[in-house]
Amino acid sequence: MVFEIKSYLLNEIPGEQRTYFSSDTLASDNPNTSILQEQYPPEFLNSLSFNGAPDHEIMLKPFTPVMLLRNLSPSNGLCNGTRILVTKLGENVICGLIIEGTPVAIPRIVLEITDRRWPFTLRRRHFPIRLCYAMTINKSKGQTLEQIGVLLTRPVFSHG
């Protein structure tokens, strides 16, 4: 549901949309890497989505809000959860303003992602960001928000 909300809101912003794709490979520290590469081709790796990691495909427009998913430079305010307003979309860097007004540049980085469901470590080279029009309740903890909306697609309250 969050994906649908983000897509709808992104389409409402004027301007040219740019799509960024990750480069996904298996970490070579596993002795079975060559066998795993045959079992898990790049197309499959691209389809994987992990908590706290960017998706394979990120669609952005200037003036879209994004959330940082990694600590890049805590002393400069670039911490996990920092909200940034995108101002310029480059090939290998995205420029923006921290919501408080500080200009920043976000580079592509290599993220190593492990998950108990998979017998490998994924190396994803991408921008460590996600659109932040909508977020889960867990991600919203600690945020200062002026206005919120809650979408309940199923009943959550019981009688009594």
N, C-alpha and C. Protein backbone atom coordinates (compact mmCIF):
# COMPACT_ATOMS: atom_id res chain seq x y z
N MET A 1 0.82 -1.19 0.00
CA MET A 1 0.00 0.00 0.00
C MET A 1 0.87 1.26 0.00
N VAL A 2 1.96 1.24 0.77
CA VAL A 2 2.86 2.40 0.83
C VAL A 2 3.40 2.70 -0.56
N PHE A 3 3.75 1.64 -1.33
CA PHE A 3 4.28 1.84 -2.69
C PHE A 3 3.26 2.56 -3.57
N GLU A 4 2.00 2.17 -3.49
CA GLU A 4 0.97 2.80 -4.31
C GLU A 4 0.80 4.28 -3.96
N ILE A 5 0.84 4.60 -2.68
CA ILE A 5 0.71 6.00 -2.26
C ILE A 5 1.88 6.81 -2.78
N LYS A 6 3.09 6.28 -2.63
CA LYS A 6 4.28 6.99 -3.10
C LYS A 6 4.23 7.21 -4.60
N SER A 7 3.83 6.20 -5.36
CA SER A 7 3.74 6.33 -6.82
C SER A 7 2.73 7.38 -7.23
N TYR A 8 1.57 7.37 -6.58
CA TYR A 8 0.53 8.34 -6.89
C TYR A 8 1.03 9.76 -6.63
N LEU A 9 1.63 9.99 -5.47
CA LEU A 9 2.10 11.33 -5.12
C LEU A 9 3.24 11.79 -6.01
N LEU A 10 4.13 10.88 -6.39
CA LEU A 10 5.23 11.24 -7.29
C LEU A 10 4.69 11.69 -8.63
N ASN A 11 3.65 11.03 -9.12
CA ASN A 11 3.05 11.42 -10.40
C ASN A 11 2.37 12.78 -10.34
N GLU A 12 1.99 13.23 -9.15
CA GLU A 12 1.33 14.53 -9.00
C GLU A 12 2.32 15.70 -9.05
N ILE A 13 3.59 15.44 -8.85
CA ILE A 13 4.60 16.51 -8.86
C ILE A 13 4.98 16.82 -10.31
N PRO A 14 4.98 18.11 -10.69
CA PRO A 14 5.40 18.45 -12.05
C PRO A 14 6.91 18.24 -12.20
N GLY A 15 7.33 18.03 -13.42
CA GLY A 15 8.76 17.88 -13.68
C GLY A 15 9.07 16.52 -14.26
N GLU A 16 10.30 16.42 -14.75
CA GLU A 16 10.72 15.19 -15.40
C GLU A 16 11.17 14.17 -14.36
N GLN A 17 10.67 12.96 -14.52
CA GLN A 17 11.00 11.88 -13.60
C GLN A 17 12.26 11.17 -14.08
N ARG A 18 13.10 10.79 -13.13
CA ARG A 18 14.30 10.03 -13.46
C ARG A 18 14.27 8.74 -12.66
N THR A 19 14.65 7.66 -13.32
CA THR A 19 14.65 6.35 -12.67
C THR A 19 16.09 5.89 -12.51
N TYR A 20 16.42 5.47 -11.31
CA TYR A 20 17.75 4.95 -10.99
C TYR A 20 17.63 3.46 -10.68
N PHE A 21 18.60 2.69 -11.17
CA PHE A 21 18.63 1.25 -10.93
C PHE A 21 19.89 0.88 -10.16
N SER A 22 19.76 -0.12 -9.31
CA SER A 22 20.92 -0.58 -8.55
C SER A 22 21.74 -1.55 -9.39
N SER A 23 22.95 -1.79 -8.94
CA SER A 23 23.80 -2.84 -9.49
C SER A 23 23.91 -3.89 -8.40
N ASP A 24 23.33 -5.06 -8.64
CA ASP A 24 23.26 -6.10 -7.62
C ASP A 24 24.15 -7.28 -7.97
N THR A 25 24.99 -7.67 -7.01
CA THR A 25 25.85 -8.84 -7.17
C THR A 25 25.88 -9.59 -5.84
N LEU A 26 26.44 -10.78 -5.88
CA LEU A 26 26.64 -11.54 -4.65
C LEU A 26 28.02 -11.21 -4.10
N ALA A 27 28.12 -11.09 -2.78
CA ALA A 27 29.43 -10.86 -2.16
C ALA A 27 30.30 -12.08 -2.42
N SER A 28 31.56 -11.84 -2.71
CA SER A 28 32.45 -12.94 -3.10
C SER A 28 33.12 -13.63 -1.92
N ASP A 29 32.70 -13.32 -0.68
CA ASP A 29 33.33 -13.94 0.48
C ASP A 29 32.82 -15.36 0.75
N ASN A 30 31.81 -15.80 0.02
CA ASN A 30 31.25 -17.13 0.18
C ASN A 30 32.00 -18.10 -0.74
N PRO A 31 32.47 -19.25 -0.23
CA PRO A 31 33.19 -20.20 -1.09
C PRO A 31 32.32 -20.78 -2.20
N ASN A 32 31.00 -20.70 -2.07
CA ASN A 32 30.09 -21.23 -3.09
C ASN A 32 29.55 -20.14 -4.01
N THR A 33 30.25 -19.02 -4.13
CA THR A 33 29.74 -17.89 -4.89
C THR A 33 29.40 -18.26 -6.33
N SER A 34 30.25 -19.02 -7.00
CA SER A 34 29.99 -19.35 -8.41
C SER A 34 28.71 -20.19 -8.55
N ILE A 35 28.48 -21.10 -7.62
CA ILE A 35 27.25 -21.92 -7.66
C ILE A 35 26.04 -21.03 -7.37
N LEU A 36 26.17 -20.16 -6.37
CA LEU A 36 25.06 -19.26 -6.01
C LEU A 36 24.73 -18.31 -7.16
N GLN A 37 25.74 -17.86 -7.90
CA GLN A 37 25.48 -16.96 -9.03
C GLN A 37 24.65 -17.63 -10.11
N GLU A 38 24.83 -18.92 -10.28
CA GLU A 38 24.01 -19.65 -11.26
C GLU A 38 22.58 -19.81 -10.76
N GLN A 39 22.43 -20.04 -9.46
CA GLN A 39 21.09 -20.24 -8.88
C GLN A 39 20.31 -18.94 -8.75
N TYR A 40 21.01 -17.84 -8.52
CA TYR A 40 20.37 -16.55 -8.28
C TYR A 40 20.89 -15.52 -9.27
N PRO A 41 20.30 -15.46 -10.48
CA PRO A 41 20.77 -14.52 -11.51
C PRO A 41 20.47 -13.07 -11.11
N PRO A 42 21.10 -12.10 -11.79
CA PRO A 42 20.89 -10.68 -11.47
C PRO A 42 19.42 -10.27 -11.46
N GLU A 43 18.62 -10.81 -12.37
CA GLU A 43 17.20 -10.45 -12.42
C GLU A 43 16.49 -10.82 -11.12
N PHE A 44 16.87 -11.95 -10.54
CA PHE A 44 16.29 -12.35 -9.26
C PHE A 44 16.77 -11.43 -8.15
N LEU A 45 18.07 -11.14 -8.12
CA LEU A 45 18.63 -10.25 -7.10
C LEU A 45 17.96 -8.88 -7.16
N ASN A 46 17.70 -8.39 -8.38
CA ASN A 46 17.04 -7.09 -8.55
C ASN A 46 15.64 -7.08 -7.96
N SER A 47 14.98 -8.23 -7.94
CA SER A 47 13.59 -8.29 -7.46
C SER A 47 13.49 -8.30 -5.94
N LEU A 48 14.60 -8.50 -5.25
CA LEU A 48 14.57 -8.59 -3.79
C LEU A 48 14.42 -7.22 -3.15
N SER A 49 13.64 -7.19 -2.08
CA SER A 49 13.44 -5.96 -1.31
C SER A 49 13.72 -6.28 0.15
N PHE A 50 14.48 -5.41 0.80
CA PHE A 50 14.87 -5.63 2.19
C PHE A 50 14.54 -4.42 3.04
N ASN A 51 14.20 -4.66 4.30
CA ASN A 51 13.99 -3.55 5.23
C ASN A 51 15.30 -2.79 5.41
N GLY A 52 15.22 -1.48 5.39
CA GLY A 52 16.40 -0.66 5.62
C GLY A 52 17.35 -0.56 4.45
N ALA A 53 16.94 -1.03 3.28
CA ALA A 53 17.78 -0.95 2.09
C ALA A 53 16.95 -0.40 0.93
N PRO A 54 17.60 0.31 0.01
CA PRO A 54 16.84 0.83 -1.13
C PRO A 54 16.39 -0.28 -2.06
N ASP A 55 15.28 -0.07 -2.73
CA ASP A 55 14.82 -1.02 -3.74
C ASP A 55 15.70 -0.91 -4.97
N HIS A 56 15.63 -1.91 -5.84
CA HIS A 56 16.41 -1.92 -7.08
C HIS A 56 16.11 -0.69 -7.93
N GLU A 57 14.85 -0.30 -7.97
CA GLU A 57 14.43 0.83 -8.81
C GLU A 57 13.95 1.98 -7.92
N ILE A 58 14.54 3.15 -8.13
CA ILE A 58 14.12 4.35 -7.41
C ILE A 58 13.71 5.39 -8.44
N MET A 59 12.47 5.87 -8.36
CA MET A 59 11.97 6.91 -9.26
C MET A 59 11.91 8.22 -8.49
N LEU A 60 12.52 9.28 -9.06
CA LEU A 60 12.59 10.57 -8.39
C LEU A 60 12.28 11.71 -9.35
N LYS A 61 11.86 12.82 -8.79
CA LYS A 61 11.71 14.09 -9.48
C LYS A 61 12.31 15.15 -8.57
N PRO A 62 12.73 16.28 -9.15
CA PRO A 62 13.16 17.38 -8.27
C PRO A 62 12.01 17.76 -7.33
N PHE A 63 12.38 18.10 -6.11
CA PHE A 63 11.46 18.53 -5.05
C PHE A 63 10.63 17.39 -4.47
N THR A 64 11.15 16.17 -4.59
CA THR A 64 10.52 15.06 -3.88
C THR A 64 11.24 14.84 -2.56
N PRO A 65 10.51 14.51 -1.50
CA PRO A 65 11.16 14.23 -0.22
C PRO A 65 11.64 12.78 -0.17
N VAL A 66 12.85 12.59 0.33
CA VAL A 66 13.39 11.24 0.49
C VAL A 66 13.91 11.09 1.91
N MET A 67 14.07 9.84 2.32
CA MET A 67 14.62 9.55 3.64
C MET A 67 15.92 8.78 3.46
N LEU A 68 16.94 9.18 4.19
CA LEU A 68 18.22 8.51 4.17
C LEU A 68 18.12 7.19 4.92
N LEU A 69 18.70 6.13 4.35
CA LEU A 69 18.61 4.79 4.94
C LEU A 69 19.89 4.34 5.63
N ARG A 70 20.93 5.16 5.58
CA ARG A 70 22.21 4.81 6.20
C ARG A 70 22.83 6.06 6.83
N ASN A 71 23.69 5.86 7.80
CA ASN A 71 24.48 6.95 8.35
C ASN A 71 25.64 7.21 7.39
N LEU A 72 25.61 8.35 6.70
CA LEU A 72 26.69 8.69 5.77
C LEU A 72 27.70 9.63 6.43
N SER A 73 27.21 10.63 7.13
CA SER A 73 28.06 11.61 7.80
C SER A 73 27.28 12.22 8.96
N PRO A 74 27.25 11.53 10.10
CA PRO A 74 26.46 12.04 11.23
C PRO A 74 26.83 13.46 11.65
N SER A 75 28.12 13.82 11.55
CA SER A 75 28.53 15.17 11.95
C SER A 75 27.94 16.24 11.04
N ASN A 76 27.57 15.87 9.81
CA ASN A 76 26.94 16.80 8.87
C ASN A 76 25.43 16.61 8.79
N GLY A 77 24.87 15.82 9.68
CA GLY A 77 23.43 15.63 9.71
C GLY A 77 22.92 14.54 8.78
N LEU A 78 23.82 13.79 8.15
CA LEU A 78 23.39 12.73 7.23
C LEU A 78 23.32 11.40 7.98
N CYS A 79 22.22 11.22 8.70
CA CYS A 79 22.00 10.04 9.53
C CYS A 79 20.80 9.25 9.01
N ASN A 80 20.75 7.98 9.39
CA ASN A 80 19.61 7.14 9.05
C ASN A 80 18.32 7.82 9.51
N GLY A 81 17.37 7.98 8.61
CA GLY A 81 16.09 8.60 8.94
C GLY A 81 16.01 10.08 8.62
N THR A 82 17.13 10.70 8.23
CA THR A 82 17.12 12.12 7.88
C THR A 82 16.28 12.33 6.62
N ARG A 83 15.40 13.32 6.67
CA ARG A 83 14.56 13.64 5.51
C ARG A 83 15.23 14.73 4.69
N ILE A 84 15.26 14.52 3.37
CA ILE A 84 15.95 15.42 2.44
C ILE A 84 15.00 15.76 1.31
N LEU A 85 15.01 17.02 0.88
CA LEU A 85 14.23 17.46 -0.28
C LEU A 85 15.17 17.48 -1.47
N VAL A 86 14.92 16.64 -2.47
CA VAL A 86 15.78 16.53 -3.65
C VAL A 86 15.72 17.82 -4.46
N THR A 87 16.90 18.33 -4.86
CA THR A 87 16.94 19.54 -5.69
C THR A 87 17.55 19.29 -7.06
N LYS A 88 18.46 18.32 -7.16
CA LYS A 88 19.13 18.04 -8.44
C LYS A 88 19.39 16.55 -8.56
N LEU A 89 19.11 16.01 -9.75
CA LEU A 89 19.28 14.58 -10.00
C LEU A 89 20.46 14.37 -10.94
N GLY A 90 21.58 13.92 -10.41
CA GLY A 90 22.76 13.64 -11.22
C GLY A 90 22.87 12.16 -11.51
N GLU A 91 23.91 11.80 -12.26
CA GLU A 91 24.13 10.40 -12.60
C GLU A 91 24.58 9.59 -11.38
N ASN A 92 25.57 10.11 -10.65
CA ASN A 92 26.12 9.39 -9.51
C ASN A 92 25.97 10.11 -8.19
N VAL A 93 25.26 11.21 -8.19
CA VAL A 93 25.01 11.95 -6.96
C VAL A 93 23.65 12.62 -7.05
N ILE A 94 22.96 12.67 -5.93
CA ILE A 94 21.68 13.37 -5.83
C ILE A 94 21.88 14.50 -4.84
N CYS A 95 21.58 15.71 -5.27
CA CYS A 95 21.72 16.88 -4.39
C CYS A 95 20.37 17.21 -3.77
N GLY A 96 20.43 17.76 -2.58
CA GLY A 96 19.19 18.12 -1.91
C GLY A 96 19.45 19.01 -0.72
N LEU A 97 18.38 19.27 -0.01
CA LEU A 97 18.43 20.07 1.21
C LEU A 97 17.86 19.23 2.34
N ILE A 98 18.61 19.16 3.44
CA ILE A 98 18.03 18.57 4.64
C ILE A 98 16.83 19.45 4.96
N ILE A 99 15.76 18.88 5.42
CA ILE A 99 14.51 19.61 5.62
C ILE A 99 14.74 20.92 6.38
N GLU A 100 15.77 21.00 7.22
CA GLU A 100 16.07 22.23 7.94
C GLU A 100 16.76 23.27 7.06
N GLY A 101 17.22 22.89 5.83
CA GLY A 101 17.80 23.86 4.90
C GLY A 101 19.26 23.66 4.53
N THR A 102 19.96 22.71 5.13
CA THR A 102 21.37 22.48 4.84
C THR A 102 21.54 21.73 3.52
N PRO A 103 22.35 22.26 2.57
CA PRO A 103 22.57 21.55 1.30
C PRO A 103 23.44 20.30 1.51
N VAL A 104 23.09 19.22 0.81
CA VAL A 104 23.83 17.96 0.92
C VAL A 104 23.90 17.29 -0.45
N ALA A 105 24.83 16.35 -0.57
CA ALA A 105 24.95 15.52 -1.77
C ALA A 105 24.98 14.06 -1.31
N ILE A 106 24.17 13.24 -1.95
CA ILE A 106 24.07 11.83 -1.60
C ILE A 106 24.70 11.02 -2.73
N PRO A 107 25.80 10.29 -2.46
CA PRO A 107 26.43 9.48 -3.50
C PRO A 107 25.84 8.07 -3.55
N ARG A 108 26.13 7.38 -4.64
CA ARG A 108 25.84 5.94 -4.67
C ARG A 108 26.86 5.26 -3.76
N ILE A 109 26.41 4.30 -2.99
CA ILE A 109 27.31 3.55 -2.13
C ILE A 109 27.03 2.06 -2.29
N VAL A 110 27.95 1.25 -1.81
CA VAL A 110 27.76 -0.20 -1.83
C VAL A 110 27.23 -0.62 -0.46
N LEU A 111 26.08 -1.27 -0.48
CA LEU A 111 25.46 -1.77 0.75
C LEU A 111 25.56 -3.29 0.74
N GLU A 112 25.99 -3.86 1.83
CA GLU A 112 26.01 -5.32 1.96
C GLU A 112 24.82 -5.72 2.82
N ILE A 113 23.95 -6.54 2.23
CA ILE A 113 22.68 -6.87 2.85
C ILE A 113 22.62 -8.38 3.10
N THR A 114 22.34 -8.75 4.33
CA THR A 114 22.16 -10.17 4.65
C THR A 114 20.74 -10.37 5.17
N ASP A 115 20.23 -11.54 4.89
CA ASP A 115 18.89 -11.90 5.32
C ASP A 115 18.89 -13.41 5.56
N ARG A 116 18.31 -13.84 6.66
CA ARG A 116 18.30 -15.27 7.00
C ARG A 116 17.60 -16.12 5.95
N ARG A 117 16.74 -15.52 5.15
CA ARG A 117 16.00 -16.28 4.14
C ARG A 117 16.89 -16.71 2.97
N TRP A 118 18.05 -16.06 2.80
CA TRP A 118 18.88 -16.32 1.62
C TRP A 118 20.28 -16.76 2.04
N PRO A 119 20.87 -17.70 1.28
CA PRO A 119 22.19 -18.23 1.65
C PRO A 119 23.35 -17.38 1.12
N PHE A 120 23.15 -16.08 1.00
CA PHE A 120 24.19 -15.22 0.43
C PHE A 120 24.09 -13.82 1.03
N THR A 121 25.13 -13.05 0.79
CA THR A 121 25.14 -11.63 1.12
C THR A 121 25.02 -10.87 -0.19
N LEU A 122 24.04 -9.99 -0.27
CA LEU A 122 23.81 -9.21 -1.48
C LEU A 122 24.62 -7.92 -1.39
N ARG A 123 25.31 -7.59 -2.48
CA ARG A 123 26.00 -6.30 -2.59
C ARG A 123 25.18 -5.45 -3.56
N ARG A 124 24.58 -4.39 -3.04
CA ARG A 124 23.73 -3.51 -3.84
C ARG A 124 24.38 -2.12 -3.89
N ARG A 125 24.76 -1.68 -5.10
CA ARG A 125 25.33 -0.34 -5.28
C ARG A 125 24.19 0.57 -5.70
N HIS A 126 23.86 1.51 -4.80
CA HIS A 126 22.71 2.37 -5.06
C HIS A 126 22.74 3.58 -4.12
N PHE A 127 21.81 4.49 -4.34
CA PHE A 127 21.63 5.61 -3.43
C PHE A 127 20.90 5.10 -2.19
N PRO A 128 21.41 5.39 -0.99
CA PRO A 128 20.77 4.87 0.23
C PRO A 128 19.57 5.72 0.66
N ILE A 129 18.56 5.78 -0.21
CA ILE A 129 17.38 6.62 0.06
C ILE A 129 16.10 5.90 -0.32
N ARG A 130 14.99 6.41 0.20
CA ARG A 130 13.64 5.98 -0.19
C ARG A 130 12.75 7.21 -0.20
N LEU A 131 11.75 7.21 -1.08
CA LEU A 131 10.75 8.27 -1.02
C LEU A 131 10.11 8.24 0.36
N CYS A 132 9.77 9.41 0.89
CA CYS A 132 9.19 9.38 2.25
C CYS A 132 7.87 10.15 2.33
N TYR A 133 7.04 9.99 1.32
CA TYR A 133 5.68 10.52 1.43
C TYR A 133 4.89 9.73 2.45
N ALA A 134 5.10 8.42 2.41
CA ALA A 134 4.39 7.53 3.32
C ALA A 134 5.42 6.65 3.99
N MET A 135 5.19 6.35 5.26
CA MET A 135 6.12 5.49 5.97
C MET A 135 5.33 4.63 6.95
N THR A 136 5.95 3.55 7.34
CA THR A 136 5.30 2.67 8.30
C THR A 136 5.32 3.33 9.68
N ILE A 137 4.50 2.83 10.57
CA ILE A 137 4.47 3.38 11.92
C ILE A 137 5.84 3.23 12.58
N ASN A 138 6.51 2.09 12.37
CA ASN A 138 7.83 1.90 12.97
C ASN A 138 8.81 2.96 12.51
N LYS A 139 8.83 3.31 11.21
CA LYS A 139 9.77 4.30 10.70
C LYS A 139 9.41 5.71 11.16
N SER A 140 8.14 5.94 11.49
CA SER A 140 7.72 7.29 11.88
C SER A 140 8.05 7.62 13.33
N LYS A 141 8.42 6.63 14.12
CA LYS A 141 8.74 6.89 15.53
C LYS A 141 9.92 7.85 15.61
N GLY A 142 9.79 8.86 16.44
CA GLY A 142 10.85 9.84 16.62
C GLY A 142 10.81 10.98 15.62
N GLN A 143 9.92 10.93 14.63
CA GLN A 143 9.80 12.00 13.64
C GLN A 143 8.91 13.10 14.20
N THR A 144 9.18 14.33 13.80
CA THR A 144 8.31 15.45 14.13
C THR A 144 7.51 15.75 12.88
N LEU A 145 6.23 15.49 12.92
CA LEU A 145 5.37 15.64 11.75
C LEU A 145 4.28 16.66 12.05
N GLU A 146 4.08 17.60 11.12
CA GLU A 146 3.03 18.61 11.31
C GLU A 146 1.65 18.05 11.03
N GLN A 147 1.57 17.14 10.08
CA GLN A 147 0.27 16.59 9.71
C GLN A 147 0.47 15.14 9.29
N ILE A 148 -0.45 14.27 9.70
CA ILE A 148 -0.36 12.87 9.30
C ILE A 148 -1.72 12.37 8.85
N GLY A 149 -1.71 11.32 8.10
CA GLY A 149 -2.92 10.63 7.71
C GLY A 149 -2.70 9.15 7.97
N VAL A 150 -3.72 8.46 8.37
CA VAL A 150 -3.62 7.04 8.64
C VAL A 150 -4.55 6.32 7.68
N LEU A 151 -3.99 5.38 6.92
CA LEU A 151 -4.78 4.61 5.97
C LEU A 151 -4.99 3.22 6.54
N LEU A 152 -6.22 2.90 6.84
CA LEU A 152 -6.57 1.59 7.37
C LEU A 152 -7.38 0.85 6.32
N THR A 153 -6.73 -0.06 5.61
CA THR A 153 -7.42 -0.80 4.55
C THR A 153 -8.22 -1.97 5.11
N ARG A 154 -7.95 -2.35 6.36
CA ARG A 154 -8.69 -3.42 7.02
C ARG A 154 -9.10 -2.94 8.41
N PRO A 155 -10.19 -3.47 8.95
CA PRO A 155 -10.58 -3.07 10.30
C PRO A 155 -9.50 -3.44 11.31
N VAL A 156 -9.21 -2.52 12.21
CA VAL A 156 -8.19 -2.79 13.23
C VAL A 156 -8.75 -2.72 14.64
N PHE A 157 -9.97 -2.27 14.78
CA PHE A 157 -10.57 -2.14 16.09
C PHE A 157 -11.61 -3.25 16.28
N SER A 158 -11.72 -3.72 17.51
CA SER A 158 -12.73 -4.75 17.79
C SER A 158 -13.74 -4.19 18.77
N HIS A 159 -14.90 -4.81 18.80
CA HIS A 159 -15.97 -4.39 19.70
C HIS A 159 -15.60 -4.76 21.13
N GLY A 160 -15.84 -3.84 22.05
CA GLY A 160 -15.65 -4.16 23.44
C GLY A 160 -14.49 -3.49 24.00
